Structures are given as structure tokens and as C-alpha cells.
Amino acid sequence: MNAILQMRNIHKSFGATRALQGVDLDILRGQVNAVVGSNGAGKSTLMKTLAGIYRPDEGKIFLDGQDITGLTPLKLQELGIQVVHQVLNIVGSMSVLENILLANPPLRHGVLQWKSGADTVRAILERIDFPLDLRAPAGALSVSQQQFVILARALIHQPKVLVLDEPTARLGMEETQKLFSLIRTLKAQGTTVIYISHRLDEIYTICDRISIFRDGMHVLSRETDALGEAELVQAMLGKRMETFFPKVQASIGEEILRVENLRDPKTLNGVGFTVRSGEIVSLVGAVGAGKTEILECLFGLRKADAGQIVFRGKPLGRSHGAQRAIGMGMALIPEDRALQGMIGDYAVRENLSSVDMPQACHLGVFSRAREDRLAQGLVHQLDVRPNDIHYRMTGLSGGNQQKVVVGKWLTSDYPLYLMDEVTAGVDIEAKAEIYKIIGRIVQQGSAVLLATGDIEEAMGISDRIIVLYKGRIVHECTPSQTTKDSLLAYIMGGGNRAQ
């Protein structure tokens, strides 16, 4: 087989943690190569080693037969390797133009000439079918728009090998289809793509070959059409998984939330719905449909222009803030865990106690021993790996970070949990654990309002599904009353009520 990349006996450890253990992997030229595995399996570590961010403790990496082991990231980019990492490396204060050109800044006599690169950037954005205002500050963009800014930055170099690490975790269906179209074009032009994802439907749609990792080791590689989903999952986990969506039965009680005619000038157009205790209600829709904006209005992070929010029988003024929302019993797990959901430089224990500090206090005085006991209990309950409460958050895999982001709201019983793309970028096993947490929440009498772009997730765990299109509710149903295709039609603007 014609391998453009060969990795031989790659080892990498961080202290006592063995992230990669003797990895041998071939990446085939001109194909879309999937790399899959649970959070912490070593996928991202291997890609960072390929990108020159980490140097392997042992082993060699070859590009077209040339030993590239230990080269700097800049040199590897010059040789044709571009990695779009899971973390969005955006400079919010700089413009879209400047962010894209950061990978290859235009210089004249040693002086930056941003405007001279504008035509190149426009051509790249046209190529990926994602027009943006080049003057707009990148920090004002949505996370899906920022994802395409990072992608455009990588394509400026016309890479031989393009690594995409969880590229659709922040994208809606329309943006995902644009990305797939681009990947097919790149493949036709001879670019080799390494595609890392936890979404099996995407892997079977876009990838030619699948390589599976578990516990820092390469388990197997096989052509996509020769590897069944059940076998793939078993190879990833080392065990069979009976169900992806452990739906629980909970007693649905009285109305806990009522939203009436909620509006804002850009996204929401007269939204109204209710949520009852013990109920899981999913808001589904494409990026920009209004899912996140609804949760932000409820939590006091966004001010609505009109409408009413009644929570636990009490009307909330449109100017209410997050502190009051928390005090009244709302919890929010935001879409962007790195920016909004955690303190990356703090340890697991400090993140877990950050919302409910009184739980870590004795007679009003902070107690490290109490914080440690609180954190130990949650780490065990959530199966955070490694189970070290002193571990820094940025050192955890994405799925384990998300468990902590959810876990910090479990120190008290909140009547309403607002969850925005709570399983984005999370592996199958961690998703199942988060679904179990959601199940325990509603069995205890609380409610969950879940914003998700994953139709299967909505159908698998919800009691009711509300479909949004351009800031309006266009359909409402129970999972038993609908199909995936029917929901997709409403999400994309079809259905007899969407306009």
C-alpha cells in the first residue's frame, strides 16, 4: 500500500501516564483516514506528535520516506503537514483576515501588510463556501464560524496531509455538509486527510479507512466498508456496548418553566414552550436556529427584547442575570467548555467546587479537606479518568473535561439544568455516562432542557423534541411520534410550518 505517512514504535509518556505505547500506523496517500478511539486513547497525542508539538520518547515518523521526527511545527507545516486542533486557536481581538493569515503573515521589508493578503483569504473562503466579513473581530464570531476560520488558515499552505481533530463538534448539519464537500474536493486533488471523530455516522460517510486506538495503542486498521459498527465499538472499548442511549423512566410532574413570545432582534422570533419537572426536552435545529440563544436568555447571559420567562411560578424580568438564575435553581452547561465551562489552569477539585463553594466550607471558612472530599466523591461518581483530583483540567481529555463541567453542578439539586451540546466532542462511552447522569437528574425530580444538533441523541433520551428554524418553533413531538428523516426535514426548513 502507498503510505504517505509512516509512524513506527511511537512512545510518549507524561509522568506516569503512558499516552502512546509502541504505535505503528500507516496513513494511506490520497485517502480520508479515520482515527477513532475513546477519550484518552491517544489520538490527539499522536496528532500533536505528528505536528511537532510533542517529541516522541521513542520511535520515528516518516513523510514520503523522509524522517521528520522531532522537527519543529513550522518546519512540518512547510513540508505539508497541517493540523486543525480540537481547541480553537482564535485571537479574538484580531480580525478574520488577520486570524487566517497568522499561519503565513504577509511581510514587506519585515513589516506586516495584512491587506495584501486579502485576495488570498477571499479565495480560500470561497473555496470552502463560507463567506465572512474579513474586517469582523474573530471574537465576535460564532464557534462554528471560528471553526471555519481555523480551517481556512490551514488551507493557505495547500497541505499534503490535513489533520482534522473533531472538526464537526461545533458545526451544524449545513456546515458539516460543506465540510464534507470540501474534504471530497481535497481528496480528489490528492490531499491526504486524517479525520478524528467520535461520530460514527460521519466516519462511515466520509472515510475510506478506519484506524482504532485504545489505551495508547493502535488496535487495528481496516477499510471502512469491511468494518461493521458493532465490531468498531467493541475494538474501541474492549467490550460490547448494549445501548448508546440508556433512556430512564422518570415521573413527570408540574410545570417548572414557561417561556412566552421570547424575542430578540437577531435570532428569536416569538418562541414559547414549557418544561415540567422530571422531563427531558430537546431543542434541535441547525446552527443559528436559536438553540443557544434561548438558553442564554433563560440563564441571564442574553437580554431578550420581548417575551416572558416564568420559572418555578415566578416571572423573571428580561434584565435578570446569571447570579439570580443560579440562586433560583438554574444550572448551565455551556456549548464551549474550554472558554465558558471550566478554569483550564485549575485542578479538577477546584473546578468541581467552583459553583457551590459553601459545600467546601466549614462555618463559613474554606476547608481544603472538605473540597477534597467533595471532589473525590464526584470524580468516583462521574468516572473521571485519571481519577486524580489534583490533575490540571487542561491535561484531561475532552470527554473527561466535560464530565467535570457537568459535575460541578451536581453538588446541589438544581430544579432546571440547561445543557448546550453537552456531548459534543465526547466519545461513545463518555456520552453514555453523561446520559446516565441526565437520567439521574430527572429521576430526582429536576428537569433538563437540552440544546443539541444530534438528532439521534434527541430521539434517544428525550421526552419531547422542539424543532427550531430561524428563531421560530416549527415542530414539536415526542420521539415515538417522529423519525430522523422527518425531524431533518423540519430542521432544514421543510415541513408544513417552516418558512
Protein backbone atom coordinates (compact mmCIF):
# COMPACT_ATOMS: atom_id res chain seq x y z
CA MET A 1 0.00 0.00 0.00
CA ASN A 2 1.15 3.54 -0.77
CA ALA A 3 1.60 5.20 2.63
CA ILE A 4 2.38 8.92 2.71
CA LEU A 5 2.96 8.80 6.48
CA GLN A 6 4.56 6.02 8.47
CA MET A 7 4.76 6.04 12.27
CA ARG A 8 6.96 3.41 13.83
CA ASN A 9 7.12 2.35 17.51
CA ILE A 10 5.92 5.73 18.83
CA HIS A 11 6.04 6.06 22.62
CA LYS A 12 5.00 9.12 24.62
CA SER A 13 4.54 9.47 28.38
CA PHE A 14 3.55 12.33 30.64
CA GLY A 15 4.87 11.46 34.06
CA ALA A 16 3.36 8.10 34.98
CA THR A 17 0.73 8.34 32.22
CA ARG A 18 1.67 6.34 29.12
CA ALA A 19 -0.23 8.19 26.38
CA LEU A 20 1.25 6.25 23.43
CA GLN A 21 2.64 2.73 23.64
CA GLY A 22 4.58 1.48 20.61
CA VAL A 23 2.26 2.83 17.93
CA ASP A 24 2.80 1.60 14.38
CA LEU A 25 0.48 3.31 11.89
CA ASP A 26 0.40 3.87 8.13
CA ILE A 27 -1.65 6.72 6.64
CA LEU A 28 -2.53 5.96 3.02
CA ARG A 29 -1.95 8.57 0.34
CA GLY A 30 -4.98 10.38 -1.12
CA GLN A 31 -7.47 8.79 1.25
CA VAL A 32 -9.60 10.01 4.15
CA ASN A 33 -8.15 8.07 7.08
CA ALA A 34 -10.30 7.93 10.23
CA VAL A 35 -8.56 7.72 13.60
CA VAL A 36 -11.01 6.73 16.32
CA GLY A 37 -10.95 5.75 19.97
CA SER A 38 -12.28 6.72 23.36
CA ASN A 39 -11.23 9.96 25.03
CA GLY A 40 -7.72 9.39 26.34
CA ALA A 41 -6.96 6.63 23.81
CA GLY A 42 -4.02 8.64 22.44
CA LYS A 43 -5.46 10.07 19.21
CA SER A 44 -4.81 13.74 19.91
CA THR A 45 -1.43 12.99 21.49
CA LEU A 46 -0.37 11.17 18.34
CA MET A 47 -1.51 14.07 16.15
CA LYS A 48 0.33 16.60 18.33
CA THR A 49 3.41 14.41 17.99
CA LEU A 50 2.93 14.40 14.22
CA ALA A 51 2.57 18.20 14.29
CA GLY A 52 5.82 18.65 16.24
CA ILE A 53 4.14 19.95 19.38
CA TYR A 54 5.35 16.87 21.27
CA ARG A 55 8.56 14.97 20.61
CA PRO A 56 8.18 11.18 20.89
CA ASP A 57 10.10 9.47 23.70
CA GLU A 58 10.86 6.69 21.24
CA GLY A 59 10.09 5.93 17.61
CA LYS A 60 10.24 7.52 14.18
CA ILE A 61 7.84 9.36 11.84
CA PHE A 62 8.37 9.36 8.07
CA LEU A 63 6.74 11.59 5.43
CA ASP A 64 7.24 10.21 1.92
CA GLY A 65 10.16 8.21 3.31
CA GLN A 66 11.83 11.25 4.91
CA ASP A 67 12.48 11.10 8.65
CA ILE A 68 10.61 14.07 10.14
CA THR A 69 10.85 13.02 13.79
CA GLY A 70 11.40 15.94 16.14
CA LEU A 71 11.10 18.71 13.52
CA THR A 72 9.53 21.99 14.64
CA PRO A 73 5.85 22.72 13.92
CA LEU A 74 6.86 25.46 11.47
CA LYS A 75 9.16 23.14 9.53
CA LEU A 76 6.49 20.43 9.41
CA GLN A 77 3.99 22.94 8.04
CA GLU A 78 6.48 23.87 5.32
CA LEU A 79 6.78 20.16 4.46
CA GLY A 80 2.99 19.94 4.05
CA ILE A 81 1.51 18.78 7.39
CA GLN A 82 -1.33 20.91 8.75
CA VAL A 83 -3.28 20.07 11.91
CA VAL A 84 -6.62 21.68 12.77
CA HIS A 85 -6.74 21.02 16.51
CA GLN A 86 -9.84 20.47 18.59
CA VAL A 87 -9.14 23.64 20.60
CA LEU A 88 -9.94 26.77 18.59
CA ASN A 89 -6.75 28.84 18.42
CA ILE A 90 -8.51 32.14 17.73
CA VAL A 91 -7.19 35.60 18.67
CA GLY A 92 -10.48 37.26 19.48
CA SER A 93 -9.21 40.85 19.28
CA MET A 94 -7.87 40.36 15.74
CA SER A 95 -9.94 40.42 12.56
CA VAL A 96 -10.99 37.42 10.49
CA LEU A 97 -8.41 38.42 7.89
CA GLU A 98 -5.59 38.62 10.44
CA ASN A 99 -6.54 35.33 12.12
CA ILE A 100 -6.47 33.43 8.82
CA LEU A 101 -3.16 34.99 7.78
CA LEU A 102 -1.49 34.25 11.12
CA ALA A 103 -0.25 30.97 9.65
CA ASN A 104 1.52 32.81 6.84
CA PRO A 105 1.64 36.56 7.61
CA PRO A 106 2.33 38.79 4.57
CA LEU A 107 5.54 40.75 5.10
CA ARG A 108 7.17 43.51 3.10
CA HIS A 109 10.63 44.55 4.25
CA GLY A 110 9.85 42.95 7.61
CA VAL A 111 6.61 44.90 8.06
CA LEU A 112 3.19 43.22 8.25
CA GLN A 113 0.93 44.05 5.29
CA TRP A 114 -2.39 42.44 6.22
CA LYS A 115 -4.38 43.96 3.35
CA SER A 116 -2.06 42.47 0.75
CA GLY A 117 -3.27 39.01 1.77
CA ALA A 118 -6.98 39.83 1.45
CA ASP A 119 -7.39 38.36 -2.05
CA THR A 120 -5.79 35.09 -0.94
CA VAL A 121 -8.12 34.88 2.05
CA ARG A 122 -11.22 35.62 -0.05
CA ALA A 123 -10.22 32.86 -2.44
CA ILE A 124 -9.82 30.38 0.43
CA LEU A 125 -13.22 31.31 1.93
CA GLU A 126 -14.83 30.97 -1.49
CA ARG A 127 -13.20 27.58 -1.87
CA ILE A 128 -14.69 26.34 1.39
CA ASP A 129 -18.03 28.03 0.58
CA PHE A 130 -18.07 30.03 3.80
CA PRO A 131 -18.13 33.81 3.21
CA LEU A 132 -17.16 36.02 6.15
CA ASP A 133 -16.59 39.72 6.72
CA LEU A 134 -12.80 39.96 6.75
CA ARG A 135 -12.92 43.06 8.96
CA ALA A 136 -15.07 41.47 11.68
CA PRO A 137 -13.33 40.71 15.01
CA ALA A 138 -12.89 36.95 15.27
CA GLY A 139 -14.02 37.01 18.90
CA ALA A 140 -17.50 38.13 17.79
CA LEU A 141 -17.99 35.08 15.55
CA SER A 142 -20.00 32.02 16.50
CA VAL A 143 -17.98 28.91 17.35
CA SER A 144 -18.96 27.31 14.02
CA GLN A 145 -17.67 30.37 12.14
CA GLN A 146 -14.45 30.27 14.17
CA GLN A 147 -14.03 26.62 13.19
CA PHE A 148 -14.03 27.59 9.50
CA VAL A 149 -11.58 30.44 10.18
CA ILE A 150 -9.14 27.87 11.59
CA LEU A 151 -9.77 25.58 8.60
CA ALA A 152 -9.10 28.43 6.16
CA ARG A 153 -5.86 29.18 8.00
CA ALA A 154 -4.72 25.57 7.47
CA LEU A 155 -5.58 25.56 3.76
CA ILE A 156 -3.43 28.60 2.94
CA HIS A 157 -0.41 26.27 2.95
CA GLN A 158 -2.04 23.82 0.47
CA PRO A 159 -1.17 20.86 2.71
CA LYS A 160 -0.18 17.38 1.61
CA VAL A 161 -1.63 15.96 4.85
CA LEU A 162 -4.53 17.70 6.61
CA VAL A 163 -5.43 16.53 10.12
CA LEU A 164 -8.92 17.40 11.34
CA ASP A 165 -9.45 16.75 15.07
CA GLU A 166 -13.17 16.67 15.91
CA PRO A 167 -13.94 19.18 13.13
CA THR A 168 -17.74 18.93 13.38
CA ALA A 169 -18.06 19.12 17.18
CA ARG A 170 -19.17 22.76 16.85
CA LEU A 171 -20.87 22.55 13.44
CA GLY A 172 -24.49 22.18 12.48
CA MET A 173 -25.74 19.96 9.69
CA GLU A 174 -25.39 22.51 6.91
CA GLU A 175 -21.83 23.40 7.92
CA THR A 176 -20.98 19.70 8.25
CA GLN A 177 -22.15 19.05 4.70
CA LYS A 178 -19.99 21.96 3.49
CA LEU A 179 -17.02 20.44 5.28
CA PHE A 180 -17.68 17.02 3.73
CA SER A 181 -17.90 18.58 0.28
CA LEU A 182 -14.55 20.29 0.86
CA ILE A 183 -12.95 17.03 2.08
CA ARG A 184 -14.12 15.24 -1.07
CA THR A 185 -12.65 18.04 -3.21
CA LEU A 186 -9.33 17.92 -1.34
CA LYS A 187 -9.20 14.16 -1.72
CA ALA A 188 -9.84 14.45 -5.47
CA GLN A 189 -6.94 16.92 -5.66
CA GLY A 190 -4.61 14.46 -3.93
CA THR A 191 -4.66 15.75 -0.35
CA THR A 192 -4.49 13.09 2.35
CA VAL A 193 -6.90 13.68 5.24
CA ILE A 194 -6.69 12.28 8.77
CA TYR A 195 -10.15 12.56 10.31
CA ILE A 196 -10.60 12.22 14.08
CA SER A 197 -14.19 11.98 15.30
CA HIS A 198 -16.46 10.31 17.82
CA ARG A 199 -19.43 10.47 15.43
CA LEU A 200 -19.66 7.08 13.80
CA ASP A 201 -22.19 8.17 11.18
CA GLU A 202 -19.68 10.73 9.91
CA ILE A 203 -16.86 8.19 9.81
CA TYR A 204 -18.90 5.81 7.70
CA THR A 205 -20.00 8.68 5.44
CA ILE A 206 -16.68 10.35 4.64
CA CYS A 207 -13.80 8.00 5.49
CA ASP A 208 -12.12 5.35 3.32
CA ARG A 209 -10.20 3.61 6.10
CA ILE A 210 -10.51 3.38 9.88
CA SER A 211 -7.71 3.05 12.45
CA ILE A 212 -8.76 2.27 16.02
CA PHE A 213 -6.87 3.24 19.17
CA ARG A 214 -7.35 2.01 22.73
CA ASP A 215 -5.24 2.78 25.81
CA GLY A 216 -2.50 4.45 23.79
CA MET A 217 -2.14 1.55 21.36
CA HIS A 218 -3.11 1.05 17.71
CA VAL A 219 -5.58 -1.85 17.81
CA LEU A 220 -6.42 -2.33 14.13
CA SER A 221 -6.84 -0.63 10.75
CA ARG A 222 -9.34 -1.72 8.13
CA GLU A 223 -11.20 -0.43 5.09
CA THR A 224 -14.43 1.28 6.16
CA ASP A 225 -16.74 -1.00 4.19
CA ALA A 226 -15.10 -4.06 5.79
CA LEU A 227 -15.64 -2.93 9.40
CA GLY A 228 -19.08 -3.13 10.98
CA GLU A 229 -20.18 -0.62 13.59
CA ALA A 230 -20.57 -3.20 16.38
CA GLU A 231 -17.04 -4.53 15.75
CA LEU A 232 -15.67 -0.97 15.66
CA VAL A 233 -17.24 -0.09 19.01
CA GLN A 234 -16.04 -3.32 20.61
CA ALA A 235 -12.49 -2.69 19.37
CA MET A 236 -12.62 0.89 20.74
CA LEU A 237 -13.91 -0.06 24.17
CA GLY A 238 -12.53 -3.57 24.58
CA LYS A 239 -16.06 -4.71 25.34
CA ARG A 240 -19.54 -4.83 23.87
CA MET A 241 -21.86 -1.91 24.42
CA GLU A 242 -25.51 -2.88 24.63
CA THR A 243 -27.05 0.57 24.29
CA PHE A 244 -25.91 4.04 23.33
CA PHE A 245 -28.94 5.79 24.81
CA PRO A 246 -29.80 4.49 28.30
CA LYS A 247 -33.24 6.14 28.48
CA VAL A 248 -34.62 6.17 32.02
CA GLN A 249 -38.18 6.35 33.26
CA ALA A 250 -38.92 9.35 35.45
CA SER A 251 -42.13 10.75 36.91
CA ILE A 252 -43.07 13.90 35.02
CA GLY A 253 -44.63 16.44 37.35
CA GLU A 254 -45.68 20.06 37.44
CA GLU A 255 -44.62 22.82 35.09
CA ILE A 256 -41.26 24.26 36.12
CA LEU A 257 -40.56 26.61 33.20
CA ARG A 258 -42.80 28.58 30.87
CA VAL A 259 -41.46 30.70 28.01
CA GLU A 260 -43.85 33.00 26.16
CA ASN A 261 -43.22 35.00 22.97
CA LEU A 262 -39.46 35.31 23.54
CA ARG A 263 -37.83 37.64 21.01
CA ASP A 264 -34.56 39.31 20.23
CA PRO A 265 -33.72 41.33 17.11
CA LYS A 266 -31.30 38.86 15.53
CA THR A 267 -32.29 35.29 16.38
CA LEU A 268 -35.53 34.67 18.30
CA ASN A 269 -38.93 35.26 16.78
CA GLY A 270 -41.71 34.64 19.30
CA VAL A 271 -40.55 31.41 20.95
CA GLY A 272 -42.83 29.77 23.50
CA PHE A 273 -42.77 26.39 25.27
CA THR A 274 -42.97 24.70 28.68
CA VAL A 275 -40.81 22.24 30.63
CA ARG A 276 -42.02 20.08 33.52
CA SER A 277 -40.13 18.50 36.40
CA GLY A 278 -38.73 15.07 35.58
CA GLU A 279 -38.79 15.87 31.86
CA ILE A 280 -36.03 15.95 29.24
CA VAL A 281 -36.90 18.42 26.49
CA SER A 282 -34.57 18.74 23.50
CA LEU A 283 -34.22 21.85 21.36
CA VAL A 284 -32.94 20.81 17.94
CA GLY A 285 -32.05 22.86 14.90
CA ALA A 286 -29.23 23.96 12.65
CA VAL A 287 -26.51 26.36 13.79
CA GLY A 288 -28.12 29.79 14.11
CA ALA A 289 -31.64 28.42 14.67
CA GLY A 290 -31.73 29.91 18.17
CA LYS A 291 -30.97 26.99 20.50
CA THR A 292 -28.05 28.57 22.33
CA GLU A 293 -29.74 31.98 22.38
CA ILE A 294 -32.75 30.56 24.23
CA LEU A 295 -30.57 29.02 26.93
CA GLU A 296 -28.59 32.26 27.28
CA CYS A 297 -31.81 34.27 27.70
CA LEU A 298 -33.04 31.84 30.35
CA PHE A 299 -29.77 32.00 32.26
CA GLY A 300 -29.47 35.78 32.03
CA LEU A 301 -26.48 35.91 29.70
CA ARG A 302 -28.53 37.50 26.90
CA LYS A 303 -31.26 40.11 27.14
CA ALA A 304 -34.46 39.46 25.21
CA ASP A 305 -36.36 42.35 23.64
CA ALA A 306 -39.77 40.93 24.41
CA GLY A 307 -41.49 37.97 25.98
CA GLN A 308 -41.81 36.44 29.40
CA ILE A 309 -39.94 33.74 31.32
CA VAL A 310 -41.73 32.15 34.27
CA PHE A 311 -39.52 29.88 36.39
CA ARG A 312 -40.99 27.93 39.30
CA GLY A 313 -44.04 30.17 39.22
CA LYS A 314 -42.09 33.45 39.34
CA PRO A 315 -41.75 35.78 36.34
CA LEU A 316 -38.18 36.73 35.54
CA GLY A 317 -37.52 40.23 34.34
CA ARG A 318 -35.74 40.47 31.00
CA SER A 319 -32.79 42.09 32.81
CA HIS A 320 -32.20 39.20 35.22
CA GLY A 321 -28.63 37.92 35.39
CA ALA A 322 -26.78 34.65 35.82
CA GLN A 323 -26.31 35.10 39.57
CA ARG A 324 -30.07 35.34 40.10
CA ALA A 325 -30.66 32.38 37.76
CA ILE A 326 -28.30 30.22 39.82
CA GLY A 327 -29.86 31.44 43.05
CA MET A 328 -33.32 30.47 41.80
CA GLY A 329 -32.16 27.00 40.78
CA MET A 330 -30.87 27.03 37.19
CA ALA A 331 -27.65 25.32 36.11
CA LEU A 332 -25.95 25.88 32.74
CA ILE A 333 -23.55 23.58 30.93
CA PRO A 334 -22.41 25.85 28.05
CA GLU A 335 -21.51 24.93 24.49
CA ASP A 336 -17.84 25.97 24.72
CA ARG A 337 -16.44 24.08 27.71
CA ALA A 338 -12.90 25.44 27.30
CA LEU A 339 -13.94 29.10 27.26
CA GLN A 340 -17.08 29.10 29.39
CA GLY A 341 -17.32 25.85 31.30
CA MET A 342 -14.03 25.37 33.11
CA ILE A 343 -10.93 27.05 34.50
CA GLY A 344 -8.24 25.28 32.50
CA ASP A 345 -5.25 26.13 34.69
CA TYR A 346 -7.03 24.96 37.86
CA ALA A 347 -7.15 21.42 39.17
CA VAL A 348 -10.15 19.11 38.92
CA ARG A 349 -11.03 19.64 42.60
CA GLU A 350 -11.07 23.43 42.24
CA ASN A 351 -13.32 23.25 39.20
CA LEU A 352 -15.73 20.88 40.93
CA SER A 353 -16.13 23.24 43.91
CA SER A 354 -16.22 26.45 41.86
CA VAL A 355 -20.02 26.82 41.65
CA ASP A 356 -21.04 25.78 45.15
CA MET A 357 -18.23 26.99 47.43
CA PRO A 358 -20.29 26.63 50.67
CA GLN A 359 -20.02 22.86 50.19
CA ALA A 360 -16.25 23.26 50.65
CA CYS A 361 -16.56 25.46 53.73
CA HIS A 362 -16.94 24.86 57.46
CA LEU A 363 -18.59 27.59 59.50
CA GLY A 364 -18.05 29.96 56.59
CA VAL A 365 -14.32 29.23 56.30
CA PHE A 366 -12.91 27.45 53.27
CA SER A 367 -11.71 23.92 54.04
CA ARG A 368 -9.34 22.15 51.66
CA ALA A 369 -10.23 18.83 53.29
CA ARG A 370 -13.94 19.39 52.58
CA GLU A 371 -13.14 20.38 49.00
CA ASP A 372 -11.08 17.21 48.59
CA ARG A 373 -13.90 15.01 49.93
CA LEU A 374 -16.42 16.72 47.66
CA ALA A 375 -14.16 16.28 44.64
CA GLN A 376 -13.27 12.66 45.42
CA GLY A 377 -16.94 11.72 45.60
CA LEU A 378 -17.76 13.40 42.29
CA VAL A 379 -14.71 12.00 40.48
CA HIS A 380 -15.75 8.50 41.56
CA GLN A 381 -19.41 9.10 40.65
CA LEU A 382 -18.54 10.55 37.22
CA ASP A 383 -15.72 8.08 36.47
CA VAL A 384 -13.28 10.87 35.63
CA ARG A 385 -10.00 9.50 34.26
CA PRO A 386 -7.41 9.77 35.63
CA ASN A 387 -9.20 9.79 39.00
CA ASP A 388 -6.78 12.34 40.41
CA ILE A 389 -8.49 15.42 41.88
CA HIS A 390 -5.18 17.32 41.67
CA TYR A 391 -4.93 16.83 37.90
CA ARG A 392 -4.97 20.06 35.90
CA MET A 393 -8.07 20.44 33.71
CA THR A 394 -6.11 21.15 30.53
CA GLY A 395 -4.39 17.78 30.94
CA LEU A 396 -7.68 15.86 30.73
CA SER A 397 -9.16 14.52 27.51
CA GLY A 398 -12.22 16.31 26.15
CA GLY A 399 -14.68 13.76 27.47
CA ASN A 400 -13.25 13.85 30.98
CA GLN A 401 -13.22 17.65 30.94
CA GLN A 402 -16.90 17.55 30.06
CA LYS A 403 -17.66 15.20 32.96
CA VAL A 404 -16.11 17.75 35.33
CA VAL A 405 -18.00 20.64 33.67
CA VAL A 406 -21.25 18.74 34.28
CA GLY A 407 -20.15 17.50 37.71
CA LYS A 408 -19.63 20.94 39.25
CA TRP A 409 -23.41 21.44 39.03
CA LEU A 410 -24.14 18.17 40.85
CA THR A 411 -23.05 19.43 44.28
CA SER A 412 -26.64 20.64 44.82
CA ASP A 413 -30.01 19.73 43.33
CA TYR A 414 -30.91 22.36 40.74
CA PRO A 415 -34.53 22.21 39.56
CA LEU A 416 -33.56 23.02 35.96
CA TYR A 417 -30.43 22.04 34.02
CA LEU A 418 -29.74 23.91 30.77
CA MET A 419 -27.38 21.83 28.62
CA ASP A 420 -25.89 23.13 25.37
CA GLU A 421 -24.29 20.46 23.13
CA VAL A 422 -23.32 18.61 26.27
CA THR A 423 -21.84 15.60 24.43
CA ALA A 424 -20.01 17.46 21.63
CA GLY A 425 -16.51 16.05 21.13
CA VAL A 426 -17.16 13.25 23.63
CA ASP A 427 -16.58 9.56 22.94
CA ILE A 428 -19.28 6.89 22.91
CA GLU A 429 -18.60 5.58 26.41
CA ALA A 430 -18.42 9.08 27.94
CA LYS A 431 -21.65 10.01 26.14
CA ALA A 432 -23.38 7.04 27.72
CA GLU A 433 -22.09 8.14 31.14
CA ILE A 434 -23.40 11.68 30.59
CA TYR A 435 -26.77 10.28 29.52
CA LYS A 436 -26.85 8.28 32.77
CA ILE A 437 -26.14 11.49 34.71
CA ILE A 438 -29.02 13.19 32.88
CA GLY A 439 -31.20 10.22 33.78
CA ARG A 440 -30.34 10.53 37.48
CA ILE A 441 -31.08 14.27 37.35
CA VAL A 442 -34.64 13.78 36.09
CA GLN A 443 -35.29 10.77 38.33
CA GLN A 444 -34.57 13.08 41.28
CA GLY A 445 -37.30 15.43 40.03
CA SER A 446 -35.26 18.07 38.19
CA ALA A 447 -35.77 18.95 34.52
CA VAL A 448 -33.32 19.09 31.62
CA LEU A 449 -33.55 21.45 28.65
CA LEU A 450 -31.05 20.13 26.11
CA ALA A 451 -29.89 22.08 23.05
CA THR A 452 -28.44 19.63 20.54
CA GLY A 453 -27.67 19.30 16.86
CA ASP A 454 -27.57 15.49 17.18
CA ILE A 455 -30.94 14.11 16.04
CA GLU A 456 -30.20 10.59 17.28
CA GLU A 457 -29.32 11.97 20.71
CA ALA A 458 -32.58 13.92 20.86
CA MET A 459 -34.61 10.89 19.82
CA GLY A 460 -32.71 8.58 22.15
CA ILE A 461 -33.06 10.35 25.50
CA SER A 462 -35.82 12.98 25.20
CA ASP A 463 -39.40 13.01 26.39
CA ARG A 464 -40.23 15.83 23.96
CA ILE A 465 -38.46 17.39 20.98
CA ILE A 466 -38.86 21.02 19.90
CA VAL A 467 -37.56 21.92 16.43
CA LEU A 468 -36.30 25.45 15.75
CA TYR A 469 -35.85 27.07 12.35
CA LYS A 470 -34.62 30.64 12.01
CA GLY A 471 -35.60 31.52 15.56
CA ARG A 472 -39.09 30.03 15.41
CA ILE A 473 -40.57 26.80 16.72
CA VAL A 474 -41.75 24.89 13.67
CA HIS A 475 -42.49 21.47 15.14
CA GLU A 476 -42.96 19.71 18.46
CA CYS A 477 -43.31 15.98 19.05
CA THR A 478 -42.30 13.01 21.15
CA PRO A 479 -39.63 10.61 19.87
CA SER A 480 -42.23 7.92 19.24
CA GLN A 481 -44.20 10.30 17.00
CA THR A 482 -41.39 11.07 14.57
CA THR A 483 -38.48 9.76 12.53
CA LYS A 484 -34.97 11.01 11.92
CA ASP A 485 -35.85 11.95 8.33
CA SER A 486 -38.94 13.84 9.43
CA LEU A 487 -37.01 15.86 12.01
CA LEU A 488 -34.28 16.57 9.49
CA ALA A 489 -36.86 17.96 7.06
CA TYR A 490 -38.12 20.44 9.67
CA ILE A 491 -34.57 21.37 10.74
CA MET A 492 -33.59 22.14 7.14
CA GLY A 493 -36.66 24.35 6.60
CA GLY A 494 -39.11 21.79 5.26
CA GLY A 495 -42.33 20.70 6.91
CA ASN A 496 -45.66 22.43 6.55
CA ARG A 497 -44.96 25.14 9.17
CA ALA A 498 -41.39 26.15 8.31
CA GLN A 499 -40.89 29.23 6.18
